[in-house]
Amino acid sequence: MIERHGARFLNRVFTGLEQRDCAGRASSFAARFAAKEAAAKALGCGIGDVSWLEIEIRSDARRAPYLVLAGEGERLAKEQGLTTWSVSLSHAENMAIAFVAAMGE
């Protein structure tokens, strides 16, 4: 996708912070893409009801991923009482996988 659609795709799907964190590595983008899809499913809606940019995968000081929601994603999470998120990413040269768990009160 990145090779085919370039900056247009990146800017539609990833925030500036995510793009900096990935530093051009396709495998890192793929893992975050998978995490965004998993988060949307955990919200019970899927991508389309929530913008790609409203689901952000950040890295803490130890490079551990965590989720930040904005806009409609944040609204849906609050509506459902989802307060805690766990994110796990893994990637190799040709594949990526993500696991996102949403927990409530």
PDB file of N, CA and C in Angstrom:
ATOM      1  N   MET A   1       0.816  -1.185   0.000  1.00  0.00           N
ATOM      2  CA  MET A   1       0.000   0.000   0.000  1.00  0.00           C
ATOM      3  C   MET A   1       0.866   1.259   0.000  1.00  0.00           C
ATOM      4  N   ILE A   2       1.907   1.255   0.794  1.00  0.00           N
ATOM      5  CA  ILE A   2       2.758   2.438   0.886  1.00  0.00           C
ATOM      6  C   ILE A   2       3.433   2.706  -0.449  1.00  0.00           C
ATOM      7  N   GLU A   3       3.965   1.655  -1.070  1.00  0.00           N
ATOM      8  CA  GLU A   3       4.638   1.831  -2.358  1.00  0.00           C
ATOM      9  C   GLU A   3       3.670   2.305  -3.429  1.00  0.00           C
ATOM     10  N   ARG A   4       2.450   1.782  -3.391  1.00  0.00           N
ATOM     11  CA  ARG A   4       1.462   2.105  -4.417  1.00  0.00           C
ATOM     12  C   ARG A   4       0.855   3.492  -4.222  1.00  0.00           C
ATOM     13  N   HIS A   5       0.533   3.849  -2.965  1.00  0.00           N
ATOM     14  CA  HIS A   5      -0.204   5.084  -2.711  1.00  0.00           C
ATOM     15  C   HIS A   5       0.605   6.166  -2.001  1.00  0.00           C
ATOM     16  N   GLY A   6       1.767   5.829  -1.492  1.00  0.00           N
ATOM     17  CA  GLY A   6       2.689   6.804  -0.923  1.00  0.00           C
ATOM     18  C   GLY A   6       2.143   7.670   0.193  1.00  0.00           C
ATOM     19  N   ALA A   7       2.537   8.949   0.149  1.00  0.00           N
ATOM     20  CA  ALA A   7       2.212   9.898   1.214  1.00  0.00           C
ATOM     21  C   ALA A   7       0.710  10.076   1.391  1.00  0.00           C
ATOM     22  N   ARG A   8      -0.043   9.989   0.326  1.00  0.00           N
ATOM     23  CA  ARG A   8      -1.502  10.148   0.432  1.00  0.00           C
ATOM     24  C   ARG A   8      -2.084   9.089   1.375  1.00  0.00           C
ATOM     25  N   PHE A   9      -1.664   7.848   1.196  1.00  0.00           N
ATOM     26  CA  PHE A   9      -2.121   6.758   2.067  1.00  0.00           C
ATOM     27  C   PHE A   9      -1.648   6.983   3.503  1.00  0.00           C
ATOM     28  N   LEU A  10      -0.375   7.284   3.671  1.00  0.00           N
ATOM     29  CA  LEU A  10       0.174   7.477   5.013  1.00  0.00           C
ATOM     30  C   LEU A  10      -0.563   8.581   5.760  1.00  0.00           C
ATOM     31  N   ASN A  11      -0.831   9.688   5.092  1.00  0.00           N
ATOM     32  CA  ASN A  11      -1.494  10.819   5.737  1.00  0.00           C
ATOM     33  C   ASN A  11      -2.965  10.551   6.038  1.00  0.00           C
ATOM     34  N   ARG A  12      -3.586   9.656   5.291  1.00  0.00           N
ATOM     35  CA  ARG A  12      -4.982   9.305   5.533  1.00  0.00           C
ATOM     36  C   ARG A  12      -5.134   8.321   6.694  1.00  0.00           C
ATOM     37  N   VAL A  13      -4.112   7.494   6.918  1.00  0.00           N
ATOM     38  CA  VAL A  13      -4.216   6.405   7.893  1.00  0.00           C
ATOM     39  C   VAL A  13      -3.414   6.654   9.175  1.00  0.00           C
ATOM     40  N   PHE A  14      -2.291   7.341   9.082  1.00  0.00           N
ATOM     41  CA  PHE A  14      -1.390   7.491  10.225  1.00  0.00           C
ATOM     42  C   PHE A  14      -1.189   8.956  10.599  1.00  0.00           C
ATOM     43  N   THR A  15      -1.215   9.220  11.898  1.00  0.00           N
ATOM     44  CA  THR A  15      -0.940  10.575  12.376  1.00  0.00           C
ATOM     45  C   THR A  15       0.537  10.900  12.144  1.00  0.00           C
ATOM     46  N   GLY A  16       0.876  12.165  12.263  1.00  0.00           N
ATOM     47  CA  GLY A  16       2.273  12.568  12.120  1.00  0.00           C
ATOM     48  C   GLY A  16       3.168  11.876  13.127  1.00  0.00           C
ATOM     49  N   LEU A  17       2.684  11.744  14.358  1.00  0.00           N
ATOM     50  CA  LEU A  17       3.455  11.062  15.397  1.00  0.00           C
ATOM     51  C   LEU A  17       3.698   9.601  15.029  1.00  0.00           C
ATOM     52  N   GLU A  18       2.672   8.924  14.527  1.00  0.00           N
ATOM     53  CA  GLU A  18       2.833   7.526  14.113  1.00  0.00           C
ATOM     54  C   GLU A  18       3.837   7.419  12.968  1.00  0.00           C
ATOM     55  N   GLN A  19       3.769   8.338  12.036  1.00  0.00           N
ATOM     56  CA  GLN A  19       4.698   8.308  10.908  1.00  0.00           C
ATOM     57  C   GLN A  19       6.133   8.500  11.383  1.00  0.00           C
ATOM     58  N   ARG A  20       6.341   9.391  12.344  1.00  0.00           N
ATOM     59  CA  ARG A  20       7.691   9.578  12.891  1.00  0.00           C
ATOM     60  C   ARG A  20       8.153   8.330  13.642  1.00  0.00           C
ATOM     61  N   ASP A  21       7.254   7.732  14.442  1.00  0.00           N
ATOM     62  CA  ASP A  21       7.612   6.524  15.194  1.00  0.00           C
ATOM     63  C   ASP A  21       7.999   5.373  14.269  1.00  0.00           C
ATOM     64  N   CYS A  22       7.316   5.261  13.139  1.00  0.00           N
ATOM     65  CA  CYS A  22       7.592   4.164  12.201  1.00  0.00           C
ATOM     66  C   CYS A  22       8.861   4.402  11.391  1.00  0.00           C
ATOM     67  N   ALA A  23       9.278   5.635  11.266  1.00  0.00           N
ATOM     68  CA  ALA A  23      10.521   5.998  10.573  1.00  0.00           C
ATOM     69  C   ALA A  23      10.666   5.323   9.210  1.00  0.00           C
ATOM     70  N   GLY A  24       9.562   5.229   8.477  1.00  0.00           N
ATOM     71  CA  GLY A  24       9.618   4.677   7.128  1.00  0.00           C
ATOM     72  C   GLY A  24       9.660   3.163   7.042  1.00  0.00           C
ATOM     73  N   ARG A  25       9.622   2.462   8.164  1.00  0.00           N
ATOM     74  CA  ARG A  25       9.687   0.994   8.156  1.00  0.00           C
ATOM     75  C   ARG A  25       8.306   0.417   7.849  1.00  0.00           C
ATOM     76  N   ALA A  26       8.197  -0.256   6.726  1.00  0.00           N
ATOM     77  CA  ALA A  26       6.912  -0.822   6.296  1.00  0.00           C
ATOM     78  C   ALA A  26       6.347  -1.781   7.336  1.00  0.00           C
ATOM     79  N   SER A  27       7.190  -2.573   7.973  1.00  0.00           N
ATOM     80  CA  SER A  27       6.699  -3.537   8.967  1.00  0.00           C
ATOM     81  C   SER A  27       6.089  -2.826  10.175  1.00  0.00           C
ATOM     82  N   SER A  28       6.629  -1.695  10.559  1.00  0.00           N
ATOM     83  CA  SER A  28       6.064  -0.926  11.673  1.00  0.00           C
ATOM     84  C   SER A  28       4.718  -0.324  11.295  1.00  0.00           C
ATOM     85  N   PHE A  29       4.618   0.192  10.073  1.00  0.00           N
ATOM     86  CA  PHE A  29       3.330   0.699   9.597  1.00  0.00           C
ATOM     87  C   PHE A  29       2.298  -0.430   9.555  1.00  0.00           C
ATOM     88  N   ALA A  30       2.703  -1.594   9.081  1.00  0.00           N
ATOM     89  CA  ALA A  30       1.775  -2.727   8.973  1.00  0.00           C
ATOM     90  C   ALA A  30       1.257  -3.147  10.346  1.00  0.00           C
ATOM     91  N   ALA A  31       2.124  -3.173  11.343  1.00  0.00           N
ATOM     92  CA  ALA A  31       1.703  -3.554  12.693  1.00  0.00           C
ATOM     93  C   ALA A  31       0.715  -2.538  13.262  1.00  0.00           C
ATOM     94  N   ARG A  32       0.976  -1.268  13.048  1.00  0.00           N
ATOM     95  CA  ARG A  32       0.055  -0.235  13.536  1.00  0.00           C
ATOM     96  C   ARG A  32      -1.270  -0.271  12.782  1.00  0.00           C
ATOM     97  N   PHE A  33      -1.215  -0.552  11.502  1.00  0.00           N
ATOM     98  CA  PHE A  33      -2.437  -0.695  10.704  1.00  0.00           C
ATOM     99  C   PHE A  33      -3.290  -1.828  11.276  1.00  0.00           C
ATOM    100  N   ALA A  34      -2.654  -2.962  11.570  1.00  0.00           N
ATOM    101  CA  ALA A  34      -3.369  -4.105  12.150  1.00  0.00           C
ATOM    102  C   ALA A  34      -3.955  -3.741  13.512  1.00  0.00           C
ATOM    103  N   ALA A  35      -3.220  -2.972  14.308  1.00  0.00           N
ATOM    104  CA  ALA A  35      -3.713  -2.569  15.628  1.00  0.00           C
ATOM    105  C   ALA A  35      -4.916  -1.640  15.508  1.00  0.00           C
ATOM    106  N   LYS A  36      -4.900  -0.752  14.538  1.00  0.00           N
ATOM    107  CA  LYS A  36      -6.038   0.148  14.331  1.00  0.00           C
ATOM    108  C   LYS A  36      -7.284  -0.656  13.950  1.00  0.00           C
ATOM    109  N   GLU A  37      -7.117  -1.636  13.073  1.00  0.00           N
ATOM    110  CA  GLU A  37      -8.250  -2.492  12.707  1.00  0.00           C
ATOM    111  C   GLU A  37      -8.764  -3.260  13.926  1.00  0.00           C
ATOM    112  N   ALA A  38      -7.857  -3.795  14.726  1.00  0.00           N
ATOM    113  CA  ALA A  38      -8.250  -4.551  15.920  1.00  0.00           C
ATOM    114  C   ALA A  38      -8.957  -3.650  16.930  1.00  0.00           C
ATOM    115  N   ALA A  39      -8.484  -2.427  17.088  1.00  0.00           N
ATOM    116  CA  ALA A  39      -9.122  -1.493  18.018  1.00  0.00           C
ATOM    117  C   ALA A  39     -10.533  -1.145  17.554  1.00  0.00           C
ATOM    118  N   ALA A  40     -10.703  -0.930  16.259  1.00  0.00           N
ATOM    119  CA  ALA A  40     -12.036  -0.622  15.725  1.00  0.00           C
ATOM    120  C   ALA A  40     -12.993  -1.785  15.971  1.00  0.00           C
ATOM    121  N   LYS A  41     -12.507  -3.000  15.808  1.00  0.00           N
ATOM    122  CA  LYS A  41     -13.347  -4.174  16.076  1.00  0.00           C
ATOM    123  C   LYS A  41     -13.683  -4.268  17.560  1.00  0.00           C
ATOM    124  N   ALA A  42     -12.718  -3.941  18.416  1.00  0.00           N
ATOM    125  CA  ALA A  42     -12.977  -3.958  19.859  1.00  0.00           C
ATOM    126  C   ALA A  42     -14.030  -2.917  20.238  1.00  0.00           C
ATOM    127  N   LEU A  43     -14.092  -1.834  19.472  1.00  0.00           N
ATOM    128  CA  LEU A  43     -15.118  -0.813  19.696  1.00  0.00           C
ATOM    129  C   LEU A  43     -16.478  -1.263  19.177  1.00  0.00           C
ATOM    130  N   GLY A  44     -16.477  -2.353  18.405  1.00  0.00           N
ATOM    131  CA  GLY A  44     -17.725  -2.896  17.886  1.00  0.00           C
ATOM    132  C   GLY A  44     -18.215  -2.243  16.620  1.00  0.00           C
ATOM    133  N   CYS A  45     -17.330  -1.547  15.922  1.00  0.00           N
ATOM    134  CA  CYS A  45     -17.800  -0.841  14.728  1.00  0.00           C
ATOM    135  C   CYS A  45     -16.992  -1.163  13.482  1.00  0.00           C
ATOM    136  N   GLY A  46     -15.713  -1.201  13.570  1.00  0.00           N
ATOM    137  CA  GLY A  46     -14.877  -1.360  12.394  1.00  0.00           C
ATOM    138  C   GLY A  46     -14.506  -0.005  11.822  1.00  0.00           C
ATOM    139  N   ILE A  47     -13.538  -0.018  10.946  1.00  0.00           N
ATOM    140  CA  ILE A  47     -13.098   1.220  10.305  1.00  0.00           C
ATOM    141  C   ILE A  47     -14.210   1.695   9.380  1.00  0.00           C
ATOM    142  N   GLY A  48     -14.402   2.961   9.331  1.00  0.00           N
ATOM    143  CA  GLY A  48     -15.498   3.552   8.566  1.00  0.00           C
ATOM    144  C   GLY A  48     -16.361   4.362   9.505  1.00  0.00           C
ATOM    145  N   ASP A  49     -16.752   3.746  10.616  1.00  0.00           N
ATOM    146  CA  ASP A  49     -17.480   4.478  11.652  1.00  0.00           C
ATOM    147  C   ASP A  49     -16.521   5.351  12.462  1.00  0.00           C
ATOM    148  N   VAL A  50     -15.273   4.943  12.510  1.00  0.00           N
ATOM    149  CA  VAL A  50     -14.227   5.680  13.208  1.00  0.00           C
ATOM    150  C   VAL A  50     -13.118   5.949  12.196  1.00  0.00           C
ATOM    151  N   SER A  51     -12.610   7.154  12.182  1.00  0.00           N
ATOM    152  CA  SER A  51     -11.523   7.513  11.266  1.00  0.00           C
ATOM    153  C   SER A  51     -10.229   6.815  11.681  1.00  0.00           C
ATOM    154  N   TRP A  52      -9.422   6.471  10.696  1.00  0.00           N
ATOM    155  CA  TRP A  52      -8.101   5.898  10.981  1.00  0.00           C
ATOM    156  C   TRP A  52      -7.324   6.815  11.921  1.00  0.00           C
ATOM    157  N   LEU A  53      -7.464   8.118  11.728  1.00  0.00           N
ATOM    158  CA  LEU A  53      -6.685   9.079  12.503  1.00  0.00           C
ATOM    159  C   LEU A  53      -7.208   9.263  13.924  1.00  0.00           C
ATOM    160  N   GLU A  54      -8.391   8.744  14.212  1.00  0.00           N
ATOM    161  CA  GLU A  54      -8.950   8.817  15.566  1.00  0.00           C
ATOM    162  C   GLU A  54      -8.481   7.657  16.442  1.00  0.00           C
ATOM    163  N   ILE A  55      -7.768   6.735  15.848  1.00  0.00           N
ATOM    164  CA  ILE A  55      -7.158   5.621  16.579  1.00  0.00           C
ATOM    165  C   ILE A  55      -5.659   5.762  16.377  1.00  0.00           C
ATOM    166  N   GLU A  56      -4.966   6.122  17.435  1.00  0.00           N
ATOM    167  CA  GLU A  56      -3.529   6.361  17.317  1.00  0.00           C
ATOM    168  C   GLU A  56      -2.770   5.358  18.175  1.00  0.00           C
ATOM    169  N   ILE A  57      -1.745   4.760  17.585  1.00  0.00           N
ATOM    170  CA  ILE A  57      -0.878   3.831  18.307  1.00  0.00           C
ATOM    171  C   ILE A  57       0.423   4.569  18.604  1.00  0.00           C
ATOM    172  N   ARG A  58       0.661   4.797  19.869  1.00  0.00           N
ATOM    173  CA  ARG A  58       1.872   5.502  20.300  1.00  0.00           C
ATOM    174  C   ARG A  58       2.823   4.523  20.970  1.00  0.00           C
ATOM    175  N   SER A  59       4.043   4.987  21.202  1.00  0.00           N
ATOM    176  CA  SER A  59       5.044   4.184  21.913  1.00  0.00           C
ATOM    177  C   SER A  59       5.505   4.949  23.142  1.00  0.00           C
ATOM    178  N   ASP A  60       5.610   4.240  24.264  1.00  0.00           N
ATOM    179  CA  ASP A  60       6.104   4.894  25.474  1.00  0.00           C
ATOM    180  C   ASP A  60       7.635   4.940  25.451  1.00  0.00           C
ATOM    181  N   ALA A  61       8.231   5.383  26.538  1.00  0.00           N
ATOM    182  CA  ALA A  61       9.687   5.543  26.606  1.00  0.00           C
ATOM    183  C   ALA A  61      10.435   4.232  26.389  1.00  0.00           C
ATOM    184  N   ARG A  62       9.779   3.107  26.697  1.00  0.00           N
ATOM    185  CA  ARG A  62      10.407   1.794  26.489  1.00  0.00           C
ATOM    186  C   ARG A  62      10.034   1.187  25.144  1.00  0.00           C
ATOM    187  N   ARG A  63       9.351   1.967  24.308  1.00  0.00           N
ATOM    188  CA  ARG A  63       8.888   1.556  22.970  1.00  0.00           C
ATOM    189  C   ARG A  63       7.705   0.590  23.040  1.00  0.00           C
ATOM    190  N   ALA A  64       7.046   0.481  24.188  1.00  0.00           N
ATOM    191  CA  ALA A  64       5.847  -0.356  24.315  1.00  0.00           C
ATOM    192  C   ALA A  64       4.663   0.401  23.707  1.00  0.00           C
ATOM    193  N   PRO A  65       3.853  -0.274  22.890  1.00  0.00           N
ATOM    194  CA  PRO A  65       2.732   0.413  22.250  1.00  0.00           C
ATOM    195  C   PRO A  65       1.567   0.648  23.208  1.00  0.00           C
ATOM    196  N   TYR A  66       0.878   1.747  22.980  1.00  0.00           N
ATOM    197  CA  TYR A  66      -0.371   2.010  23.696  1.00  0.00           C
ATOM    198  C   TYR A  66      -1.311   2.772  22.775  1.00  0.00           C
ATOM    199  N   LEU A  67      -2.581   2.752  23.128  1.00  0.00           N
ATOM    200  CA  LEU A  67      -3.641   3.280  22.275  1.00  0.00           C
ATOM    201  C   LEU A  67      -4.162   4.612  22.803  1.00  0.00           C
ATOM    202  N   VAL A  68      -4.388   5.538  21.883  1.00  0.00           N
ATOM    203  CA  VAL A  68      -5.022   6.813  22.208  1.00  0.00           C
ATOM    204  C   VAL A  68      -6.178   7.001  21.238  1.00  0.00           C
ATOM    205  N   LEU A  69      -7.371   7.235  21.784  1.00  0.00           N
ATOM    206  CA  LEU A  69      -8.556   7.445  20.953  1.00  0.00           C
ATOM    207  C   LEU A  69      -8.941   8.919  20.964  1.00  0.00           C
ATOM    208  N   ALA A  70      -9.516   9.371  19.858  1.00  0.00           N
ATOM    209  CA  ALA A  70     -10.025  10.737  19.742  1.00  0.00           C
ATOM    210  C   ALA A  70     -11.364  10.685  19.021  1.00  0.00           C
ATOM    211  N   GLY A  71     -12.070  11.785  19.036  1.00  0.00           N
ATOM    212  CA  GLY A  71     -13.298  11.905  18.261  1.00  0.00           C
ATOM    213  C   GLY A  71     -14.303  10.803  18.518  1.00  0.00           C
ATOM    214  N   GLU A  72     -14.808  10.227  17.433  1.00  0.00           N
ATOM    215  CA  GLU A  72     -15.830   9.182  17.509  1.00  0.00           C
ATOM    216  C   GLU A  72     -15.321   7.937  18.237  1.00  0.00           C
ATOM    217  N   GLY A  73     -14.059   7.609  18.068  1.00  0.00           N
ATOM    218  CA  GLY A  73     -13.494   6.458  18.774  1.00  0.00           C
ATOM    219  C   GLY A  73     -13.539   6.645  20.278  1.00  0.00           C
ATOM    220  N   GLU A  74     -13.172   7.823  20.722  1.00  0.00           N
ATOM    221  CA  GLU A  74     -13.222   8.128  22.154  1.00  0.00           C
ATOM    222  C   GLU A  74     -14.665   8.108  22.659  1.00  0.00           C
ATOM    223  N   ARG A  75     -15.586   8.662  21.873  1.00  0.00           N
ATOM    224  CA  ARG A  75     -16.995   8.683  22.261  1.00  0.00           C
ATOM    225  C   ARG A  75     -17.553   7.273  22.416  1.00  0.00           C
ATOM    226  N   LEU A  76     -17.255   6.405  21.439  1.00  0.00           N
ATOM    227  CA  LEU A  76     -17.740   5.024  21.496  1.00  0.00           C
ATOM    228  C   LEU A  76     -17.173   4.279  22.701  1.00  0.00           C
ATOM    229  N   ALA A  77     -15.893   4.487  22.978  1.00  0.00           N
ATOM    230  CA  ALA A  77     -15.273   3.821  24.129  1.00  0.00           C
ATOM    231  C   ALA A  77     -15.945   4.255  25.429  1.00  0.00           C
ATOM    232  N   LYS A  78     -16.172   5.552  25.582  1.00  0.00           N
ATOM    233  CA  LYS A  78     -16.831   6.056  26.798  1.00  0.00           C
ATOM    234  C   LYS A  78     -18.246   5.512  26.912  1.00  0.00           C
ATOM    235  N   GLU A  79     -18.956   5.497  25.795  1.00  0.00           N
ATOM    236  CA  GLU A  79     -20.336   4.997  25.774  1.00  0.00           C
ATOM    237  C   GLU A  79     -20.419   3.551  26.251  1.00  0.00           C
ATOM    238  N   GLN A  80     -19.396   2.760  25.925  1.00  0.00           N
ATOM    239  CA  GLN A  80     -19.376   1.344  26.285  1.00  0.00           C
ATOM    240  C   GLN A  80     -18.643   1.076  27.599  1.00  0.00           C
ATOM    241  N   GLY A  81     -18.132   2.116  28.224  1.00  0.00           N
ATOM    242  CA  GLY A  81     -17.413   1.946  29.483  1.00  0.00           C
ATOM    243  C   GLY A  81     -16.036   1.331  29.321  1.00  0.00           C
ATOM    244  N   LEU A  82     -15.445   1.460  28.140  1.00  0.00           N
ATOM    245  CA  LEU A  82     -14.108   0.909  27.886  1.00  0.00           C
ATOM    246  C   LEU A  82     -13.071   1.926  28.352  1.00  0.00           C
ATOM    247  N   THR A  83     -12.314   1.561  29.365  1.00  0.00           N
ATOM    248  CA  THR A  83     -11.392   2.511  29.984  1.00  0.00           C
ATOM    249  C   THR A  83      -9.924   2.112  29.893  1.00  0.00           C
ATOM    250  N   THR A  84      -9.667   0.837  29.692  1.00  0.00           N
ATOM    251  CA  THR A  84      -8.291   0.344  29.672  1.00  0.00           C
ATOM    252  C   THR A  84      -8.066  -0.459  28.401  1.00  0.00           C
ATOM    253  N   TRP A  85      -6.941  -0.206  27.763  1.00  0.00           N
ATOM    254  CA  TRP A  85      -6.611  -0.881  26.505  1.00  0.00           C
ATOM    255  C   TRP A  85      -5.244  -1.534  26.625  1.00  0.00           C
ATOM    256  N   SER A  86      -5.121  -2.706  26.056  1.00  0.00           N
ATOM    257  CA  SER A  86      -3.844  -3.403  25.983  1.00  0.00           C
ATOM    258  C   SER A  86      -3.531  -3.641  24.512  1.00  0.00           C
ATOM    259  N   VAL A  87      -2.323  -3.292  24.121  1.00  0.00           N
ATOM    260  CA  VAL A  87      -1.918  -3.408  22.715  1.00  0.00           C
ATOM    261  C   VAL A  87      -0.629  -4.208  22.632  1.00  0.00           C
ATOM    262  N   SER A  88      -0.613  -5.180  21.738  1.00  0.00           N
ATOM    263  CA  SER A  88       0.594  -5.951  21.473  1.00  0.00           C
ATOM    264  C   SER A  88       0.827  -5.973  19.969  1.00  0.00           C
ATOM    265  N   LEU A  89       2.031  -5.646  19.555  1.00  0.00           N
ATOM    266  CA  LEU A  89       2.399  -5.634  18.137  1.00  0.00           C
ATOM    267  C   LEU A  89       3.563  -6.584  17.908  1.00  0.00           C
ATOM    268  N   SER A  90       3.552  -7.226  16.768  1.00  0.00           N
ATOM    269  CA  SER A  90       4.686  -8.047  16.368  1.00  0.00           C
ATOM    270  C   SER A  90       4.803  -7.979  14.858  1.00  0.00           C
ATOM    271  N   HIS A  91       6.024  -7.934  14.382  1.00  0.00           N
ATOM    272  CA  HIS A  91       6.208  -7.904  12.935  1.00  0.00           C
ATOM    273  C   HIS A  91       7.554  -8.488  12.548  1.00  0.00           C
ATOM    274  N   ALA A  92       7.560  -9.027  11.363  1.00  0.00           N
ATOM    275  CA  ALA A  92       8.770  -9.522  10.727  1.00  0.00           C
ATOM    276  C   ALA A  92       8.840  -8.820   9.376  1.00  0.00           C
ATOM    277  N   GLU A  93       9.769  -9.195   8.576  1.00  0.00           N
ATOM    278  CA  GLU A  93       9.954  -8.504   7.298  1.00  0.00           C
ATOM    279  C   GLU A  93       8.701  -8.517   6.427  1.00  0.00           C
ATOM    280  N   ASN A  94       8.004  -9.647   6.365  1.00  0.00           N
ATOM    281  CA  ASN A  94       6.876  -9.786   5.439  1.00  0.00           C
ATOM    282  C   ASN A  94       5.507  -9.856   6.091  1.00  0.00           C
ATOM    283  N   MET A  95       5.417  -9.739   7.405  1.00  0.00           N
ATOM    284  CA  MET A  95       4.102  -9.873   8.039  1.00  0.00           C
ATOM    285  C   MET A  95       4.049  -9.086   9.338  1.00  0.00           C
ATOM    286  N   ALA A  96       2.816  -8.794   9.744  1.00  0.00           N
ATOM    287  CA  ALA A  96       2.602  -8.081  11.004  1.00  0.00           C
ATOM    288  C   ALA A  96       1.325  -8.599  11.639  1.00  0.00           C
ATOM    289  N   ILE A  97       1.291  -8.529  12.958  1.00  0.00           N
ATOM    290  CA  ILE A  97       0.107  -8.945  13.699  1.00  0.00           C
ATOM    291  C   ILE A  97      -0.059  -7.995  14.883  1.00  0.00           C
ATOM    292  N   ALA A  98      -1.305  -7.785  15.263  1.00  0.00           N
ATOM    293  CA  ALA A  98      -1.581  -6.948  16.426  1.00  0.00           C
ATOM    294  C   ALA A  98      -2.712  -7.567  17.224  1.00  0.00           C
ATOM    295  N   PHE A  99      -2.638  -7.382  18.519  1.00  0.00           N
ATOM    296  CA  PHE A  99      -3.695  -7.810  19.428  1.00  0.00           C
ATOM    297  C   PHE A  99      -4.085  -6.598  20.256  1.00  0.00           C
ATOM    298  N   VAL A 100      -5.371  -6.307  20.291  1.00  0.00           N
ATOM    299  CA  VAL A 100      -5.871  -5.190  21.088  1.00  0.00           C
ATOM    300  C   VAL A 100      -7.001  -5.706  21.967  1.00  0.00           C
ATOM    301  N   ALA A 101      -6.870  -5.497  23.263  1.00  0.00           N
ATOM    302  CA  ALA A 101      -7.924  -5.875  24.204  1.00  0.00           C
ATOM    303  C   ALA A 101      -8.472  -4.608  24.848  1.00  0.00           C
ATOM    304  N   ALA A 102      -9.795  -4.525  24.908  1.00  0.00           N
ATOM    305  CA  ALA A 102     -10.470  -3.400  25.550  1.00  0.00           C
ATOM    306  C   ALA A 102     -11.135  -3.906  26.820  1.00  0.00           C
ATOM    307  N   MET A 103     -10.897  -3.211  27.924  1.00  0.00           N
ATOM    308  CA  MET A 103     -11.467  -3.623  29.200  1.00  0.00           C
ATOM    309  C   MET A 103     -12.275  -2.479  29.794  1.00  0.00           C
ATOM    310  N   GLY A 104     -13.341  -2.852  30.470  1.00  0.00           N
ATOM    311  CA  GLY A 104     -14.221  -1.844  31.050  1.00  0.00           C
ATOM    312  C   GLY A 104     -14.156  -1.808  32.552  1.00  0.00           C
ATOM    313  N   GLU A 105     -15.020  -1.002  33.082  1.00  0.00           N
ATOM    314  CA  GLU A 105     -15.083  -0.789  34.528  1.00  0.00           C
ATOM    315  C   GLU A 105     -15.628  -1.998  35.256  1.00  0.00           C
TER     316      GLU A 105
END
